[in-house]
């Protein structure tokens, strides 16, 4: 009997950062969770602006927002990504920092951000949140969606487990 999901070797360094970038390129929207030791988690959808060369995730945020307040009181966060159309999933745990670097804001600015910051990139309320990952875990199919769906159907009919995906740590 085949394994349903194969655990890949942990990805590190440039290889790990490349996997993060690849997964984020397919879906930049995540659920950004703060106050991770409390119930319920404080979550909200956020758009990843960039995964930089060091593997840090960058988000725009309002200086006066609840999330900035929460990050200042507890910097541990979790990012949850789901690209359901391709069956790709990623969870990232890390440390968040509020950044007010105008050069970095300029570099990451896009017209889409103006929907949340009407005063533009010079809005004094505009900040960045940088999340430095401490651990990450991903799940993705081994083949394209049609092959994966076919294998799932065969597995359901035959009762045999099929190797339909892979998963692994990014450290």
C-alpha atoms as a PDB file:
ATOM      1  CA  UNK A   1       0.000   0.000   0.000  1.00  0.00           C
ATOM      2  CA  UNK A   2       1.318   3.451  -0.898  1.00  0.00           C
ATOM      3  CA  UNK A   3       1.547   6.368   1.502  1.00  0.00           C
ATOM      4  CA  UNK A   4      -1.128   9.050   1.113  1.00  0.00           C
ATOM      5  CA  UNK A   5       1.335  11.917   1.647  1.00  0.00           C
ATOM      6  CA  UNK A   6       5.082  11.698   1.535  1.00  0.00           C
ATOM      7  CA  UNK A   7       7.127  13.741   3.989  1.00  0.00           C
ATOM      8  CA  UNK A   8       9.851  15.527   2.092  1.00  0.00           C
ATOM      9  CA  UNK A   9      13.243  16.334   3.601  1.00  0.00           C
ATOM     10  CA  UNK A  10      13.268  19.730   5.326  1.00  0.00           C
ATOM     11  CA  UNK A  11      14.054  22.629   3.002  1.00  0.00           C
ATOM     12  CA  UNK A  12      16.621  25.099   4.308  1.00  0.00           C
ATOM     13  CA  UNK A  13      18.448  28.224   3.192  1.00  0.00           C
ATOM     14  CA  UNK A  14      17.925  29.403  -0.379  1.00  0.00           C
ATOM     15  CA  UNK A  15      15.987  26.256  -1.264  1.00  0.00           C
ATOM     16  CA  UNK A  16      13.517  26.897   1.587  1.00  0.00           C
ATOM     17  CA  UNK A  17      13.133  30.575   0.660  1.00  0.00           C
ATOM     18  CA  UNK A  18      12.534  29.609  -2.978  1.00  0.00           C
ATOM     19  CA  UNK A  19       9.734  27.224  -1.876  1.00  0.00           C
ATOM     20  CA  UNK A  20       8.142  29.982   0.242  1.00  0.00           C
ATOM     21  CA  UNK A  21       8.257  32.379  -2.712  1.00  0.00           C
ATOM     22  CA  UNK A  22       6.832  29.748  -5.066  1.00  0.00           C
ATOM     23  CA  UNK A  23       3.891  29.014  -2.773  1.00  0.00           C
ATOM     24  CA  UNK A  24       3.220  32.729  -2.134  1.00  0.00           C
ATOM     25  CA  UNK A  25       3.360  33.511  -5.862  1.00  0.00           C
ATOM     26  CA  UNK A  26       0.358  31.212  -6.270  1.00  0.00           C
ATOM     27  CA  UNK A  27      -1.604  32.862  -3.436  1.00  0.00           C
ATOM     28  CA  UNK A  28      -0.440  36.000  -1.616  1.00  0.00           C
ATOM     29  CA  UNK A  29      -3.513  36.233   0.645  1.00  0.00           C
ATOM     30  CA  UNK A  30      -3.159  34.700   4.088  1.00  0.00           C
ATOM     31  CA  UNK A  31      -4.925  34.621   7.390  1.00  0.00           C
ATOM     32  CA  UNK A  32      -2.607  36.608   9.667  1.00  0.00           C
ATOM     33  CA  UNK A  33      -3.016  35.340  13.243  1.00  0.00           C
ATOM     34  CA  UNK A  34      -1.773  37.220  16.281  1.00  0.00           C
ATOM     35  CA  UNK A  35      -2.133  36.516  20.000  1.00  0.00           C
ATOM     36  CA  UNK A  36      -1.412  32.892  19.130  1.00  0.00           C
ATOM     37  CA  UNK A  37      -1.559  31.686  22.746  1.00  0.00           C
ATOM     38  CA  UNK A  38      -5.076  33.002  23.300  1.00  0.00           C
ATOM     39  CA  UNK A  39      -8.441  31.688  22.251  1.00  0.00           C
ATOM     40  CA  UNK A  40      -9.881  32.707  19.971  1.00  0.00           C
ATOM     41  CA  UNK A  41      -6.941  33.598  17.764  1.00  0.00           C
ATOM     42  CA  UNK A  42      -7.069  37.105  16.358  1.00  0.00           C
ATOM     43  CA  UNK A  43      -7.067  36.525  12.600  1.00  0.00           C
ATOM     44  CA  UNK A  44      -7.621  38.691   9.567  1.00  0.00           C
ATOM     45  CA  UNK A  45      -6.920  38.364   5.843  1.00  0.00           C
ATOM     46  CA  UNK A  46      -3.743  40.102   4.707  1.00  0.00           C
ATOM     47  CA  UNK A  47      -1.968  40.365   1.376  1.00  0.00           C
ATOM     48  CA  UNK A  48       1.700  39.467   1.329  1.00  0.00           C
ATOM     49  CA  UNK A  49       3.570  42.236  -0.469  1.00  0.00           C
ATOM     50  CA  UNK A  50       6.839  40.345  -0.714  1.00  0.00           C
ATOM     51  CA  UNK A  51       8.900  37.444   0.531  1.00  0.00           C
ATOM     52  CA  UNK A  52      12.385  38.932   0.520  1.00  0.00           C
ATOM     53  CA  UNK A  53      15.751  37.274  -0.090  1.00  0.00           C
ATOM     54  CA  UNK A  54      16.066  36.425   3.614  1.00  0.00           C
ATOM     55  CA  UNK A  55      12.621  34.762   3.674  1.00  0.00           C
ATOM     56  CA  UNK A  56      10.851  37.580   5.547  1.00  0.00           C
ATOM     57  CA  UNK A  57       7.175  38.235   4.762  1.00  0.00           C
ATOM     58  CA  UNK A  58       6.087  41.890   4.336  1.00  0.00           C
ATOM     59  CA  UNK A  59       2.605  43.357   4.861  1.00  0.00           C
ATOM     60  CA  UNK A  60       1.152  46.877   4.901  1.00  0.00           C
ATOM     61  CA  UNK A  61      -0.715  47.830   8.061  1.00  0.00           C
ATOM     62  CA  UNK A  62      -2.227  50.803   9.829  1.00  0.00           C
ATOM     63  CA  UNK A  63      -0.288  52.223  12.755  1.00  0.00           C
ATOM     64  CA  UNK A  64      -3.577  52.447  14.714  1.00  0.00           C
ATOM     65  CA  UNK A  65      -4.797  48.920  13.865  1.00  0.00           C
ATOM     66  CA  UNK A  66      -5.555  46.183  16.366  1.00  0.00           C
ATOM     67  CA  UNK A  67      -2.984  43.937  14.714  1.00  0.00           C
ATOM     68  CA  UNK A  68      -0.192  46.496  15.229  1.00  0.00           C
ATOM     69  CA  UNK A  69      -1.214  46.803  18.882  1.00  0.00           C
ATOM     70  CA  UNK A  70      -1.262  43.003  19.238  1.00  0.00           C
ATOM     71  CA  UNK A  71       2.134  42.608  17.536  1.00  0.00           C
ATOM     72  CA  UNK A  72       3.624  45.201  19.886  1.00  0.00           C
ATOM     73  CA  UNK A  73       2.344  43.267  22.914  1.00  0.00           C
ATOM     74  CA  UNK A  74       3.259  39.799  21.565  1.00  0.00           C
ATOM     75  CA  UNK A  75       5.349  39.494  18.406  1.00  0.00           C
ATOM     76  CA  UNK A  76       4.630  35.799  17.782  1.00  0.00           C
ATOM     77  CA  UNK A  77       2.335  35.312  14.776  1.00  0.00           C
ATOM     78  CA  UNK A  78       1.135  32.596  12.427  1.00  0.00           C
ATOM     79  CA  UNK A  79       0.415  32.975   8.715  1.00  0.00           C
ATOM     80  CA  UNK A  80      -1.999  30.512   7.086  1.00  0.00           C
ATOM     81  CA  UNK A  81      -2.107  30.269   3.280  1.00  0.00           C
ATOM     82  CA  UNK A  82      -4.541  28.132   1.273  1.00  0.00           C
ATOM     83  CA  UNK A  83      -4.520  27.889  -2.500  1.00  0.00           C
ATOM     84  CA  UNK A  84      -7.437  25.483  -2.771  1.00  0.00           C
ATOM     85  CA  UNK A  85      -7.561  25.576  -6.566  1.00  0.00           C
ATOM     86  CA  UNK A  86      -4.123  23.918  -6.671  1.00  0.00           C
ATOM     87  CA  UNK A  87      -4.344  22.051  -3.323  1.00  0.00           C
ATOM     88  CA  UNK A  88      -1.365  23.983  -1.921  1.00  0.00           C
ATOM     89  CA  UNK A  89      -1.242  24.938   1.750  1.00  0.00           C
ATOM     90  CA  UNK A  90       1.355  26.675   3.893  1.00  0.00           C
ATOM     91  CA  UNK A  91       1.575  27.595   7.551  1.00  0.00           C
ATOM     92  CA  UNK A  92       4.328  29.884   8.842  1.00  0.00           C
ATOM     93  CA  UNK A  93       5.151  30.660  12.455  1.00  0.00           C
ATOM     94  CA  UNK A  94       7.353  33.638  13.105  1.00  0.00           C
ATOM     95  CA  UNK A  95       8.156  36.884  14.828  1.00  0.00           C
ATOM     96  CA  UNK A  96       6.524  40.099  13.638  1.00  0.00           C
ATOM     97  CA  UNK A  97       8.040  43.571  13.805  1.00  0.00           C
ATOM     98  CA  UNK A  98       6.389  46.924  13.045  1.00  0.00           C
ATOM     99  CA  UNK A  99       8.529  48.840  10.527  1.00  0.00           C
ATOM    100  CA  UNK A 100       8.170  52.522   9.594  1.00  0.00           C
ATOM    101  CA  UNK A 101      10.865  52.635   6.909  1.00  0.00           C
ATOM    102  CA  UNK A 102       9.692  55.077   4.190  1.00  0.00           C
ATOM    103  CA  UNK A 103      12.158  53.652   1.634  1.00  0.00           C
ATOM    104  CA  UNK A 104      10.799  50.121   2.132  1.00  0.00           C
ATOM    105  CA  UNK A 105       7.213  51.441   1.961  1.00  0.00           C
ATOM    106  CA  UNK A 106       8.105  53.121  -1.345  1.00  0.00           C
ATOM    107  CA  UNK A 107       9.677  49.924  -2.672  1.00  0.00           C
ATOM    108  CA  UNK A 108       6.632  47.772  -1.814  1.00  0.00           C
ATOM    109  CA  UNK A 109       3.922  50.309  -2.700  1.00  0.00           C
ATOM    110  CA  UNK A 110       1.430  49.414  -5.435  1.00  0.00           C
ATOM    111  CA  UNK A 111      -1.780  51.112  -6.582  1.00  0.00           C
ATOM    112  CA  UNK A 112      -3.789  48.271  -4.994  1.00  0.00           C
ATOM    113  CA  UNK A 113      -2.644  49.340  -1.520  1.00  0.00           C
ATOM    114  CA  UNK A 114      -4.341  52.695  -2.014  1.00  0.00           C
ATOM    115  CA  UNK A 115      -7.696  50.951  -1.454  1.00  0.00           C
ATOM    116  CA  UNK A 116      -6.733  50.750   2.235  1.00  0.00           C
ATOM    117  CA  UNK A 117      -4.571  53.861   2.489  1.00  0.00           C
ATOM    118  CA  UNK A 118      -6.349  56.657   0.615  1.00  0.00           C
ATOM    119  CA  UNK A 119      -3.627  59.190   1.443  1.00  0.00           C
ATOM    120  CA  UNK A 120      -1.143  57.062  -0.477  1.00  0.00           C
ATOM    121  CA  UNK A 121       2.363  55.957   0.369  1.00  0.00           C
ATOM    122  CA  UNK A 122       3.021  59.124   2.390  1.00  0.00           C
ATOM    123  CA  UNK A 123       0.128  58.415   4.772  1.00  0.00           C
ATOM    124  CA  UNK A 124       1.544  58.931   8.298  1.00  0.00           C
ATOM    125  CA  UNK A 125      -0.640  56.013   9.489  1.00  0.00           C
ATOM    126  CA  UNK A 126       1.058  53.588   7.059  1.00  0.00           C
ATOM    127  CA  UNK A 127       3.432  51.005   8.507  1.00  0.00           C
ATOM    128  CA  UNK A 128       4.832  47.667   7.466  1.00  0.00           C
ATOM    129  CA  UNK A 129       4.795  44.416   9.360  1.00  0.00           C
ATOM    130  CA  UNK A 130       7.805  42.193   8.747  1.00  0.00           C
ATOM    131  CA  UNK A 131       7.400  38.553   9.735  1.00  0.00           C
ATOM    132  CA  UNK A 132      10.646  36.635  10.180  1.00  0.00           C
ATOM    133  CA  UNK A 133       9.733  32.940   9.868  1.00  0.00           C
ATOM    134  CA  UNK A 134      10.917  30.544  12.535  1.00  0.00           C
ATOM    135  CA  UNK A 135       9.235  27.488  11.054  1.00  0.00           C
ATOM    136  CA  UNK A 136       7.020  26.656   8.119  1.00  0.00           C
ATOM    137  CA  UNK A 137       5.173  23.606   6.862  1.00  0.00           C
ATOM    138  CA  UNK A 138       3.654  23.022   3.429  1.00  0.00           C
ATOM    139  CA  UNK A 139       1.384  20.559   1.660  1.00  0.00           C
ATOM    140  CA  UNK A 140       1.071  20.311  -2.119  1.00  0.00           C
ATOM    141  CA  UNK A 141       0.131  17.748  -4.775  1.00  0.00           C
ATOM    142  CA  UNK A 142       2.825  15.817  -6.604  1.00  0.00           C
ATOM    143  CA  UNK A 143       1.071  16.110  -9.946  1.00  0.00           C
ATOM    144  CA  UNK A 144      -1.354  18.554 -11.483  1.00  0.00           C
ATOM    145  CA  UNK A 145      -4.889  18.903 -10.168  1.00  0.00           C
ATOM    146  CA  UNK A 146      -6.477  16.498 -12.675  1.00  0.00           C
ATOM    147  CA  UNK A 147      -4.037  13.673 -11.879  1.00  0.00           C
ATOM    148  CA  UNK A 148      -4.504  14.291  -8.149  1.00  0.00           C
ATOM    149  CA  UNK A 149      -8.314  14.193  -8.465  1.00  0.00           C
ATOM    150  CA  UNK A 150      -8.077  10.996 -10.535  1.00  0.00           C
ATOM    151  CA  UNK A 151      -5.875   9.339  -7.893  1.00  0.00           C
ATOM    152  CA  UNK A 152      -8.303  10.406  -5.161  1.00  0.00           C
ATOM    153  CA  UNK A 153     -11.201   8.875  -7.106  1.00  0.00           C
ATOM    154  CA  UNK A 154      -9.282   5.629  -7.687  1.00  0.00           C
ATOM    155  CA  UNK A 155      -8.408   5.520  -3.996  1.00  0.00           C
ATOM    156  CA  UNK A 156     -12.057   6.047  -2.991  1.00  0.00           C
ATOM    157  CA  UNK A 157     -13.289   3.274  -5.321  1.00  0.00           C
ATOM    158  CA  UNK A 158     -10.494   0.763  -4.683  1.00  0.00           C
ATOM    159  CA  UNK A 159     -10.026   1.411  -0.981  1.00  0.00           C
ATOM    160  CA  UNK A 160      -6.262   1.602  -1.531  1.00  0.00           C
ATOM    161  CA  UNK A 161      -4.255   4.606  -0.428  1.00  0.00           C
ATOM    162  CA  UNK A 162      -2.576   6.498  -3.234  1.00  0.00           C
ATOM    163  CA  UNK A 163       0.462   8.761  -3.137  1.00  0.00           C
ATOM    164  CA  UNK A 164      -1.293  12.040  -3.950  1.00  0.00           C
ATOM    165  CA  UNK A 165       0.834  14.701  -2.358  1.00  0.00           C
ATOM    166  CA  UNK A 166       3.910  15.775  -0.550  1.00  0.00           C
ATOM    167  CA  UNK A 167       4.495  17.761   2.568  1.00  0.00           C
ATOM    168  CA  UNK A 168       7.491  19.090   4.376  1.00  0.00           C
ATOM    169  CA  UNK A 169       9.106  21.525   6.727  1.00  0.00           C
ATOM    170  CA  UNK A 170      10.813  24.713   5.687  1.00  0.00           C
ATOM    171  CA  UNK A 171      13.361  25.789   8.269  1.00  0.00           C
END
